[in-house]
Amino acid sequence: MAKNNEKITMKGNPLKVEGRCLEEGAQLPAFTLTGGDLSDVTNAAFAGKVLVVVSIPSIDTPVCAIETKKFNQEASSLSNDVVIAIVSRDLPFAFKRWCGAEGVSKVVTLSDFKHRSFGKQFGVELPDLGLLARAVFVADKTGKIAHVDYVSEVADEPDYGAALAAVKACL
């Protein structure tokens, strides 16, 4: 589990990453993303909930698909006080198609395709690829960050156990 975004690679090759590195104990940055109906979705939509923000490069890649399915499976056993949001630059239509085909319904899918500000706010901007790096952030019910995992190799899955332990500690 990486605490910073300084050394993120793809198949061992270093990637340029832009944006500030988030740290545990800080407040989750305000964000505006696009929901499945093309409406703007902000942090305010999740006020009073434990929020898990999962940044992925693209839902149509194997590791992102595995990760999203795993978080969807875990979401079904978590409290209604927990929201898991999957964030990428995929179009909301792609998320809807993929989730429908895979039976994924317990996570919220949000897109950064329109505003393109999430990447820099969360330190996951991969400017040379136009994608977001893989990372997991857990914020408590007040928006305070309880867990940060910048996955150092984009092709690797995150540490699910650490993220889920942080969620449970926030409840």
N, C-alpha and C. Protein backbone atom coordinates (compact mmCIF):
# COMPACT_ATOMS: atom_id res chain seq x y z
N MET A 1 0.85 -1.18 0.00
CA MET A 1 0.00 0.00 0.00
C MET A 1 0.90 1.24 0.00
N ALA A 2 0.75 2.04 -1.01
CA ALA A 2 1.55 3.26 -1.12
C ALA A 2 0.80 4.43 -0.51
N LYS A 3 1.50 5.24 0.23
CA LYS A 3 0.89 6.42 0.86
C LYS A 3 1.05 7.66 -0.02
N ASN A 4 1.88 7.56 -1.05
CA ASN A 4 2.05 8.74 -1.91
C ASN A 4 2.00 8.34 -3.37
N ASN A 5 1.91 9.35 -4.23
CA ASN A 5 1.76 9.10 -5.66
C ASN A 5 3.05 9.35 -6.43
N GLU A 6 4.19 9.32 -5.76
CA GLU A 6 5.45 9.69 -6.40
C GLU A 6 5.97 8.66 -7.38
N LYS A 7 5.70 7.40 -7.15
CA LYS A 7 6.26 6.35 -8.01
C LYS A 7 5.16 5.41 -8.47
N ILE A 8 4.42 5.85 -9.47
CA ILE A 8 3.39 5.01 -10.05
C ILE A 8 3.89 4.55 -11.41
N THR A 9 3.77 3.24 -11.65
CA THR A 9 4.27 2.67 -12.89
C THR A 9 3.16 1.90 -13.61
N MET A 10 3.39 1.67 -14.90
CA MET A 10 2.54 0.79 -15.69
C MET A 10 3.47 -0.23 -16.33
N LYS A 11 3.30 -1.48 -15.91
CA LYS A 11 4.18 -2.57 -16.36
C LYS A 11 5.64 -2.22 -16.11
N GLY A 12 5.89 -1.60 -14.95
CA GLY A 12 7.24 -1.26 -14.54
C GLY A 12 7.77 0.07 -15.07
N ASN A 13 7.08 0.67 -16.02
CA ASN A 13 7.53 1.94 -16.58
C ASN A 13 6.94 3.11 -15.80
N PRO A 14 7.80 4.04 -15.34
CA PRO A 14 7.31 5.18 -14.55
C PRO A 14 6.31 6.03 -15.34
N LEU A 15 5.29 6.51 -14.64
CA LEU A 15 4.29 7.38 -15.23
C LEU A 15 4.37 8.77 -14.60
N LYS A 16 4.10 9.77 -15.39
CA LYS A 16 4.00 11.12 -14.87
C LYS A 16 2.64 11.23 -14.16
N VAL A 17 2.68 11.68 -12.90
CA VAL A 17 1.45 11.83 -12.11
C VAL A 17 1.36 13.28 -11.67
N GLU A 18 0.18 13.86 -11.85
CA GLU A 18 -0.03 15.25 -11.43
C GLU A 18 -1.09 15.30 -10.33
N GLY A 19 -0.99 16.32 -9.53
CA GLY A 19 -1.95 16.55 -8.47
C GLY A 19 -1.34 16.38 -7.10
N ARG A 20 -2.02 16.97 -6.14
CA ARG A 20 -1.50 16.90 -4.78
C ARG A 20 -1.76 15.53 -4.18
N CYS A 21 -0.82 15.07 -3.40
CA CYS A 21 -0.91 13.78 -2.74
C CYS A 21 -1.78 13.94 -1.49
N LEU A 22 -2.83 13.16 -1.39
CA LEU A 22 -3.71 13.22 -0.23
C LEU A 22 -3.11 12.41 0.92
N GLU A 23 -3.40 12.85 2.14
CA GLU A 23 -2.86 12.18 3.31
C GLU A 23 -3.97 11.90 4.32
N GLU A 24 -3.77 10.83 5.06
CA GLU A 24 -4.71 10.49 6.12
C GLU A 24 -4.76 11.64 7.13
N GLY A 25 -5.97 11.92 7.61
CA GLY A 25 -6.16 12.99 8.57
C GLY A 25 -6.60 14.30 7.94
N ALA A 26 -6.37 14.45 6.64
CA ALA A 26 -6.80 15.66 5.92
C ALA A 26 -8.27 15.53 5.53
N GLN A 27 -8.85 16.61 5.11
CA GLN A 27 -10.22 16.60 4.64
C GLN A 27 -10.24 16.15 3.17
N LEU A 28 -11.20 15.32 2.82
CA LEU A 28 -11.36 14.88 1.43
C LEU A 28 -11.63 16.11 0.57
N PRO A 29 -10.94 16.28 -0.55
CA PRO A 29 -11.18 17.45 -1.39
C PRO A 29 -12.61 17.47 -1.94
N ALA A 30 -13.13 18.66 -2.13
CA ALA A 30 -14.43 18.80 -2.79
C ALA A 30 -14.26 18.33 -4.22
N PHE A 31 -15.28 17.66 -4.76
CA PHE A 31 -15.21 17.22 -6.14
C PHE A 31 -16.56 17.38 -6.82
N THR A 32 -16.50 17.50 -8.13
CA THR A 32 -17.70 17.47 -8.96
C THR A 32 -17.44 16.46 -10.07
N LEU A 33 -18.25 15.42 -10.09
CA LEU A 33 -18.14 14.36 -11.09
C LEU A 33 -19.48 14.23 -11.80
N THR A 34 -19.56 13.35 -12.79
CA THR A 34 -20.78 13.18 -13.56
C THR A 34 -21.39 11.82 -13.27
N GLY A 35 -22.68 11.84 -12.91
CA GLY A 35 -23.40 10.61 -12.61
C GLY A 35 -23.93 9.95 -13.87
N GLY A 36 -24.59 8.82 -13.69
CA GLY A 36 -25.11 8.04 -14.80
C GLY A 36 -26.15 8.75 -15.63
N ASP A 37 -26.83 9.74 -15.04
CA ASP A 37 -27.84 10.51 -15.78
C ASP A 37 -27.26 11.82 -16.33
N LEU A 38 -25.94 11.94 -16.32
CA LEU A 38 -25.19 13.11 -16.79
C LEU A 38 -25.31 14.32 -15.88
N SER A 39 -25.88 14.14 -14.69
CA SER A 39 -25.97 15.25 -13.74
C SER A 39 -24.66 15.36 -12.96
N ASP A 40 -24.40 16.55 -12.43
CA ASP A 40 -23.23 16.75 -11.58
C ASP A 40 -23.48 16.11 -10.22
N VAL A 41 -22.45 15.45 -9.70
CA VAL A 41 -22.50 14.83 -8.38
C VAL A 41 -21.31 15.38 -7.58
N THR A 42 -21.60 15.89 -6.39
CA THR A 42 -20.54 16.43 -5.54
C THR A 42 -20.45 15.64 -4.24
N ASN A 43 -19.45 15.99 -3.43
CA ASN A 43 -19.30 15.37 -2.11
C ASN A 43 -20.58 15.47 -1.30
N ALA A 44 -21.29 16.57 -1.46
CA ALA A 44 -22.51 16.82 -0.66
C ALA A 44 -23.51 15.68 -0.79
N ALA A 45 -23.50 14.98 -1.91
CA ALA A 45 -24.43 13.87 -2.11
C ALA A 45 -24.17 12.72 -1.13
N PHE A 46 -22.99 12.70 -0.53
CA PHE A 46 -22.60 11.60 0.35
C PHE A 46 -22.37 12.06 1.79
N ALA A 47 -22.85 13.25 2.12
CA ALA A 47 -22.68 13.80 3.48
C ALA A 47 -23.24 12.84 4.52
N GLY A 48 -22.48 12.67 5.59
CA GLY A 48 -22.92 11.81 6.68
C GLY A 48 -22.69 10.32 6.45
N LYS A 49 -22.06 9.98 5.34
CA LYS A 49 -21.75 8.58 5.01
C LYS A 49 -20.24 8.36 5.06
N VAL A 50 -19.83 7.13 5.29
CA VAL A 50 -18.44 6.76 5.08
C VAL A 50 -18.31 6.61 3.57
N LEU A 51 -17.37 7.32 2.98
CA LEU A 51 -17.22 7.33 1.52
C LEU A 51 -15.92 6.67 1.11
N VAL A 52 -16.04 5.66 0.26
CA VAL A 52 -14.88 5.00 -0.33
C VAL A 52 -14.82 5.47 -1.78
N VAL A 53 -13.74 6.16 -2.12
CA VAL A 53 -13.55 6.66 -3.48
C VAL A 53 -12.48 5.79 -4.12
N VAL A 54 -12.88 5.08 -5.17
CA VAL A 54 -11.99 4.15 -5.86
C VAL A 54 -11.69 4.72 -7.25
N SER A 55 -10.46 5.16 -7.45
CA SER A 55 -10.05 5.70 -8.74
C SER A 55 -9.48 4.58 -9.60
N ILE A 56 -10.00 4.47 -10.83
CA ILE A 56 -9.53 3.42 -11.75
C ILE A 56 -9.23 4.03 -13.12
N PRO A 57 -8.34 3.40 -13.90
CA PRO A 57 -8.07 3.90 -15.25
C PRO A 57 -9.25 3.74 -16.21
N SER A 58 -9.82 2.54 -16.31
CA SER A 58 -10.96 2.31 -17.21
C SER A 58 -11.68 1.03 -16.86
N ILE A 59 -12.99 1.10 -16.80
CA ILE A 59 -13.81 -0.06 -16.43
C ILE A 59 -13.65 -1.21 -17.43
N ASP A 60 -13.26 -0.90 -18.65
CA ASP A 60 -13.14 -1.93 -19.68
C ASP A 60 -11.76 -2.58 -19.74
N THR A 61 -11.06 -2.60 -18.60
CA THR A 61 -9.78 -3.30 -18.52
C THR A 61 -9.89 -4.38 -17.44
N PRO A 62 -9.14 -5.46 -17.56
CA PRO A 62 -9.30 -6.60 -16.65
C PRO A 62 -9.16 -6.26 -15.16
N VAL A 63 -8.11 -5.55 -14.77
CA VAL A 63 -7.89 -5.28 -13.35
C VAL A 63 -8.99 -4.36 -12.80
N CYS A 64 -9.39 -3.37 -13.57
CA CYS A 64 -10.46 -2.46 -13.13
C CYS A 64 -11.78 -3.23 -12.97
N ALA A 65 -12.03 -4.16 -13.86
CA ALA A 65 -13.24 -4.97 -13.78
C ALA A 65 -13.22 -5.83 -12.52
N ILE A 66 -12.10 -6.48 -12.26
CA ILE A 66 -11.95 -7.32 -11.06
C ILE A 66 -12.15 -6.46 -9.81
N GLU A 67 -11.50 -5.32 -9.77
CA GLU A 67 -11.57 -4.43 -8.60
C GLU A 67 -13.00 -3.94 -8.36
N THR A 68 -13.67 -3.53 -9.42
CA THR A 68 -15.04 -3.03 -9.28
C THR A 68 -15.97 -4.14 -8.80
N LYS A 69 -15.82 -5.34 -9.34
CA LYS A 69 -16.64 -6.47 -8.89
C LYS A 69 -16.38 -6.80 -7.42
N LYS A 70 -15.12 -6.73 -7.02
CA LYS A 70 -14.76 -7.02 -5.62
C LYS A 70 -15.39 -5.98 -4.69
N PHE A 71 -15.28 -4.70 -5.03
CA PHE A 71 -15.88 -3.68 -4.18
C PHE A 71 -17.40 -3.78 -4.20
N ASN A 72 -17.98 -4.14 -5.32
CA ASN A 72 -19.43 -4.34 -5.40
C ASN A 72 -19.86 -5.47 -4.46
N GLN A 73 -19.11 -6.57 -4.47
CA GLN A 73 -19.39 -7.71 -3.60
C GLN A 73 -19.29 -7.29 -2.14
N GLU A 74 -18.24 -6.55 -1.79
CA GLU A 74 -18.05 -6.11 -0.41
C GLU A 74 -19.15 -5.13 0.01
N ALA A 75 -19.60 -4.29 -0.92
CA ALA A 75 -20.62 -3.29 -0.61
C ALA A 75 -21.91 -3.93 -0.13
N SER A 76 -22.21 -5.10 -0.65
CA SER A 76 -23.47 -5.75 -0.27
C SER A 76 -23.49 -6.19 1.19
N SER A 77 -22.31 -6.33 1.80
CA SER A 77 -22.26 -6.75 3.21
C SER A 77 -21.94 -5.60 4.16
N LEU A 78 -21.83 -4.40 3.62
CA LEU A 78 -21.52 -3.23 4.46
C LEU A 78 -22.79 -2.49 4.85
N SER A 79 -22.67 -1.67 5.84
CA SER A 79 -23.76 -0.85 6.34
C SER A 79 -24.28 0.11 5.27
N ASN A 80 -25.53 0.53 5.41
CA ASN A 80 -26.08 1.55 4.51
C ASN A 80 -25.43 2.90 4.73
N ASP A 81 -24.59 3.00 5.77
CA ASP A 81 -23.86 4.23 6.05
C ASP A 81 -22.57 4.31 5.24
N VAL A 82 -22.36 3.36 4.33
CA VAL A 82 -21.15 3.32 3.51
C VAL A 82 -21.53 3.43 2.04
N VAL A 83 -20.82 4.30 1.31
CA VAL A 83 -20.99 4.42 -0.14
C VAL A 83 -19.64 4.14 -0.78
N ILE A 84 -19.64 3.28 -1.77
CA ILE A 84 -18.42 3.02 -2.55
C ILE A 84 -18.64 3.63 -3.93
N ALA A 85 -17.78 4.59 -4.28
CA ALA A 85 -17.87 5.28 -5.56
C ALA A 85 -16.67 4.90 -6.42
N ILE A 86 -16.95 4.39 -7.60
CA ILE A 86 -15.92 4.04 -8.58
C ILE A 86 -15.80 5.22 -9.53
N VAL A 87 -14.58 5.76 -9.69
CA VAL A 87 -14.37 6.97 -10.49
C VAL A 87 -13.36 6.69 -11.59
N SER A 88 -13.71 7.08 -12.81
CA SER A 88 -12.77 7.01 -13.94
C SER A 88 -13.14 8.08 -14.96
N ARG A 89 -12.45 8.08 -16.08
CA ARG A 89 -12.79 9.00 -17.16
C ARG A 89 -13.73 8.33 -18.17
N ASP A 90 -14.16 7.10 -17.87
CA ASP A 90 -15.11 6.42 -18.75
C ASP A 90 -16.39 7.24 -18.83
N LEU A 91 -17.06 7.17 -19.97
CA LEU A 91 -18.35 7.83 -20.10
C LEU A 91 -19.38 7.14 -19.21
N PRO A 92 -20.35 7.87 -18.67
CA PRO A 92 -21.39 7.24 -17.87
C PRO A 92 -22.10 6.11 -18.62
N PHE A 93 -22.21 6.23 -19.94
CA PHE A 93 -22.86 5.19 -20.75
C PHE A 93 -22.06 3.89 -20.71
N ALA A 94 -20.72 4.00 -20.71
CA ALA A 94 -19.88 2.81 -20.63
C ALA A 94 -20.05 2.13 -19.27
N PHE A 95 -20.08 2.94 -18.21
CA PHE A 95 -20.32 2.39 -16.87
C PHE A 95 -21.66 1.65 -16.82
N LYS A 96 -22.69 2.29 -17.35
CA LYS A 96 -24.04 1.69 -17.31
C LYS A 96 -24.06 0.37 -18.07
N ARG A 97 -23.47 0.35 -19.26
CA ARG A 97 -23.40 -0.87 -20.06
C ARG A 97 -22.66 -1.97 -19.31
N TRP A 98 -21.47 -1.63 -18.79
CA TRP A 98 -20.64 -2.62 -18.13
C TRP A 98 -21.33 -3.15 -16.87
N CYS A 99 -21.83 -2.26 -16.02
CA CYS A 99 -22.48 -2.68 -14.78
C CYS A 99 -23.70 -3.55 -15.06
N GLY A 100 -24.48 -3.20 -16.09
CA GLY A 100 -25.64 -4.01 -16.46
C GLY A 100 -25.23 -5.39 -16.90
N ALA A 101 -24.19 -5.48 -17.71
CA ALA A 101 -23.72 -6.78 -18.22
C ALA A 101 -23.12 -7.64 -17.11
N GLU A 102 -22.51 -7.00 -16.12
CA GLU A 102 -21.82 -7.74 -15.06
C GLU A 102 -22.64 -7.89 -13.78
N GLY A 103 -23.85 -7.31 -13.74
CA GLY A 103 -24.68 -7.42 -12.55
C GLY A 103 -24.16 -6.63 -11.36
N VAL A 104 -23.46 -5.55 -11.65
CA VAL A 104 -22.89 -4.70 -10.60
C VAL A 104 -23.88 -3.58 -10.27
N SER A 105 -24.38 -3.57 -9.03
CA SER A 105 -25.40 -2.59 -8.68
C SER A 105 -25.22 -1.97 -7.30
N LYS A 106 -24.20 -2.37 -6.56
CA LYS A 106 -24.03 -1.89 -5.18
C LYS A 106 -23.04 -0.74 -5.05
N VAL A 107 -22.34 -0.42 -6.13
CA VAL A 107 -21.41 0.71 -6.12
C VAL A 107 -22.00 1.85 -6.95
N VAL A 108 -21.53 3.06 -6.66
CA VAL A 108 -21.92 4.23 -7.45
C VAL A 108 -20.81 4.48 -8.46
N THR A 109 -21.15 4.65 -9.73
CA THR A 109 -20.14 4.95 -10.73
C THR A 109 -20.22 6.43 -11.09
N LEU A 110 -19.05 7.06 -11.10
CA LEU A 110 -18.96 8.49 -11.38
C LEU A 110 -17.85 8.73 -12.39
N SER A 111 -18.08 9.67 -13.28
CA SER A 111 -17.12 9.94 -14.34
C SER A 111 -16.50 11.33 -14.23
N ASP A 112 -15.23 11.40 -14.55
CA ASP A 112 -14.49 12.67 -14.59
C ASP A 112 -14.29 13.14 -16.03
N PHE A 113 -15.09 12.59 -16.96
CA PHE A 113 -14.89 12.93 -18.37
C PHE A 113 -15.21 14.39 -18.68
N LYS A 114 -16.17 14.98 -17.96
CA LYS A 114 -16.62 16.33 -18.28
C LYS A 114 -15.79 17.41 -17.58
N HIS A 115 -15.65 17.32 -16.28
CA HIS A 115 -14.97 18.38 -15.53
C HIS A 115 -13.45 18.23 -15.51
N ARG A 116 -12.97 17.02 -15.56
CA ARG A 116 -11.53 16.72 -15.59
C ARG A 116 -10.73 17.44 -14.51
N SER A 117 -11.30 17.49 -13.32
CA SER A 117 -10.61 18.13 -12.20
C SER A 117 -10.27 17.14 -11.08
N PHE A 118 -10.95 16.02 -11.04
CA PHE A 118 -10.77 15.03 -9.99
C PHE A 118 -9.32 14.54 -9.92
N GLY A 119 -8.73 14.24 -11.06
CA GLY A 119 -7.37 13.68 -11.10
C GLY A 119 -6.36 14.51 -10.34
N LYS A 120 -6.34 15.81 -10.58
CA LYS A 120 -5.38 16.67 -9.88
C LYS A 120 -5.77 16.87 -8.42
N GLN A 121 -7.07 16.94 -8.14
CA GLN A 121 -7.52 17.12 -6.74
C GLN A 121 -7.12 15.94 -5.87
N PHE A 122 -7.10 14.74 -6.46
CA PHE A 122 -6.83 13.53 -5.69
C PHE A 122 -5.43 12.95 -5.96
N GLY A 123 -4.63 13.62 -6.79
CA GLY A 123 -3.27 13.15 -7.05
C GLY A 123 -3.20 11.90 -7.90
N VAL A 124 -4.16 11.73 -8.82
CA VAL A 124 -4.20 10.52 -9.65
C VAL A 124 -4.22 10.85 -11.15
N GLU A 125 -3.91 12.07 -11.50
CA GLU A 125 -3.93 12.50 -12.90
C GLU A 125 -2.73 11.90 -13.65
N LEU A 126 -3.01 11.15 -14.71
CA LEU A 126 -1.96 10.60 -15.59
C LEU A 126 -2.05 11.37 -16.91
N PRO A 127 -1.42 12.55 -16.98
CA PRO A 127 -1.62 13.43 -18.13
C PRO A 127 -1.19 12.84 -19.47
N ASP A 128 -0.17 12.01 -19.47
CA ASP A 128 0.31 11.44 -20.73
C ASP A 128 -0.66 10.39 -21.29
N LEU A 129 -1.52 9.83 -20.43
CA LEU A 129 -2.48 8.82 -20.87
C LEU A 129 -3.90 9.35 -20.93
N GLY A 130 -4.15 10.48 -20.26
CA GLY A 130 -5.51 11.02 -20.19
C GLY A 130 -6.40 10.18 -19.30
N LEU A 131 -5.79 9.42 -18.40
CA LEU A 131 -6.52 8.53 -17.50
C LEU A 131 -6.23 8.88 -16.04
N LEU A 132 -6.90 8.18 -15.15
CA LEU A 132 -6.66 8.31 -13.71
C LEU A 132 -5.87 7.10 -13.23
N ALA A 133 -5.00 7.32 -12.26
CA ALA A 133 -4.25 6.22 -11.65
C ALA A 133 -5.16 5.43 -10.73
N ARG A 134 -4.73 4.24 -10.37
CA ARG A 134 -5.48 3.39 -9.46
C ARG A 134 -5.17 3.82 -8.02
N ALA A 135 -6.22 4.11 -7.26
CA ALA A 135 -6.05 4.51 -5.87
C ALA A 135 -7.36 4.28 -5.13
N VAL A 136 -7.26 4.19 -3.80
CA VAL A 136 -8.45 4.04 -2.95
C VAL A 136 -8.32 5.02 -1.79
N PHE A 137 -9.40 5.75 -1.55
CA PHE A 137 -9.47 6.71 -0.45
C PHE A 137 -10.70 6.39 0.38
N VAL A 138 -10.55 6.37 1.69
CA VAL A 138 -11.69 6.16 2.59
C VAL A 138 -11.80 7.40 3.46
N ALA A 139 -13.00 7.99 3.48
CA ALA A 139 -13.26 9.15 4.33
C ALA A 139 -14.37 8.81 5.31
N ASP A 140 -14.21 9.29 6.55
CA ASP A 140 -15.23 9.03 7.57
C ASP A 140 -16.47 9.89 7.32
N LYS A 141 -17.43 9.81 8.21
CA LYS A 141 -18.71 10.51 8.02
C LYS A 141 -18.58 12.03 8.02
N THR A 142 -17.45 12.54 8.49
CA THR A 142 -17.22 13.99 8.48
C THR A 142 -16.38 14.44 7.28
N GLY A 143 -15.96 13.47 6.45
CA GLY A 143 -15.14 13.78 5.29
C GLY A 143 -13.64 13.76 5.55
N LYS A 144 -13.25 13.34 6.74
CA LYS A 144 -11.84 13.24 7.09
C LYS A 144 -11.27 11.95 6.51
N ILE A 145 -10.13 12.04 5.85
CA ILE A 145 -9.53 10.87 5.20
C ILE A 145 -8.96 9.92 6.24
N ALA A 146 -9.42 8.68 6.20
CA ALA A 146 -8.98 7.64 7.13
C ALA A 146 -8.03 6.64 6.49
N HIS A 147 -7.99 6.62 5.16
CA HIS A 147 -7.16 5.62 4.46
C HIS A 147 -6.82 6.15 3.06
N VAL A 148 -5.55 6.00 2.69
CA VAL A 148 -5.08 6.37 1.35
C VAL A 148 -4.24 5.22 0.81
N ASP A 149 -4.53 4.81 -0.42
CA ASP A 149 -3.73 3.77 -1.08
C ASP A 149 -3.54 4.15 -2.54
N TYR A 150 -2.37 4.75 -2.84
CA TYR A 150 -1.99 4.98 -4.23
C TYR A 150 -1.32 3.70 -4.69
N VAL A 151 -1.95 2.95 -5.56
CA VAL A 151 -1.41 1.66 -6.00
C VAL A 151 -0.22 1.94 -6.91
N SER A 152 0.96 1.48 -6.48
CA SER A 152 2.19 1.88 -7.18
C SER A 152 2.32 1.30 -8.58
N GLU A 153 1.73 0.15 -8.83
CA GLU A 153 1.73 -0.43 -10.19
C GLU A 153 0.28 -0.45 -10.67
N VAL A 154 0.00 0.30 -11.73
CA VAL A 154 -1.37 0.45 -12.23
C VAL A 154 -2.01 -0.90 -12.54
N ALA A 155 -1.21 -1.88 -12.93
CA ALA A 155 -1.76 -3.19 -13.29
C ALA A 155 -2.05 -4.07 -12.07
N ASP A 156 -1.76 -3.58 -10.85
CA ASP A 156 -2.02 -4.35 -9.63
C ASP A 156 -3.34 -3.92 -9.00
N GLU A 157 -3.93 -4.83 -8.23
CA GLU A 157 -5.14 -4.51 -7.47
C GLU A 157 -4.74 -3.81 -6.17
N PRO A 158 -5.67 -3.05 -5.58
CA PRO A 158 -5.36 -2.38 -4.31
C PRO A 158 -5.40 -3.38 -3.15
N ASP A 159 -5.06 -2.91 -1.97
CA ASP A 159 -5.13 -3.71 -0.75
C ASP A 159 -6.56 -3.61 -0.21
N TYR A 160 -7.41 -4.55 -0.64
CA TYR A 160 -8.81 -4.53 -0.23
C TYR A 160 -8.97 -4.62 1.29
N GLY A 161 -8.17 -5.47 1.91
CA GLY A 161 -8.27 -5.68 3.35
C GLY A 161 -8.03 -4.40 4.13
N ALA A 162 -7.02 -3.64 3.74
CA ALA A 162 -6.71 -2.39 4.44
C ALA A 162 -7.83 -1.37 4.24
N ALA A 163 -8.37 -1.30 3.03
CA ALA A 163 -9.47 -0.36 2.75
C ALA A 163 -10.71 -0.73 3.57
N LEU A 164 -11.04 -2.01 3.60
CA LEU A 164 -12.22 -2.45 4.33
C LEU A 164 -12.05 -2.31 5.83
N ALA A 165 -10.84 -2.50 6.32
CA ALA A 165 -10.57 -2.30 7.76
C ALA A 165 -10.78 -0.83 8.10
N ALA A 166 -10.34 0.07 7.22
CA ALA A 166 -10.54 1.50 7.44
C ALA A 166 -12.03 1.85 7.44
N VAL A 167 -12.78 1.24 6.53
CA VAL A 167 -14.24 1.49 6.49
C VAL A 167 -14.86 1.07 7.81
N LYS A 168 -14.53 -0.12 8.27
CA LYS A 168 -15.13 -0.63 9.51
C LYS A 168 -14.74 0.22 10.71
N ALA A 169 -13.52 0.75 10.71
CA ALA A 169 -13.07 1.62 11.80
C ALA A 169 -13.82 2.94 11.81
N CYS A 170 -14.36 3.35 10.66
CA CYS A 170 -15.09 4.61 10.54
C CYS A 170 -16.55 4.48 10.97
N LEU A 171 -17.03 3.27 11.10
CA LEU A 171 -18.45 3.07 11.45
C LEU A 171 -18.70 3.15 12.95
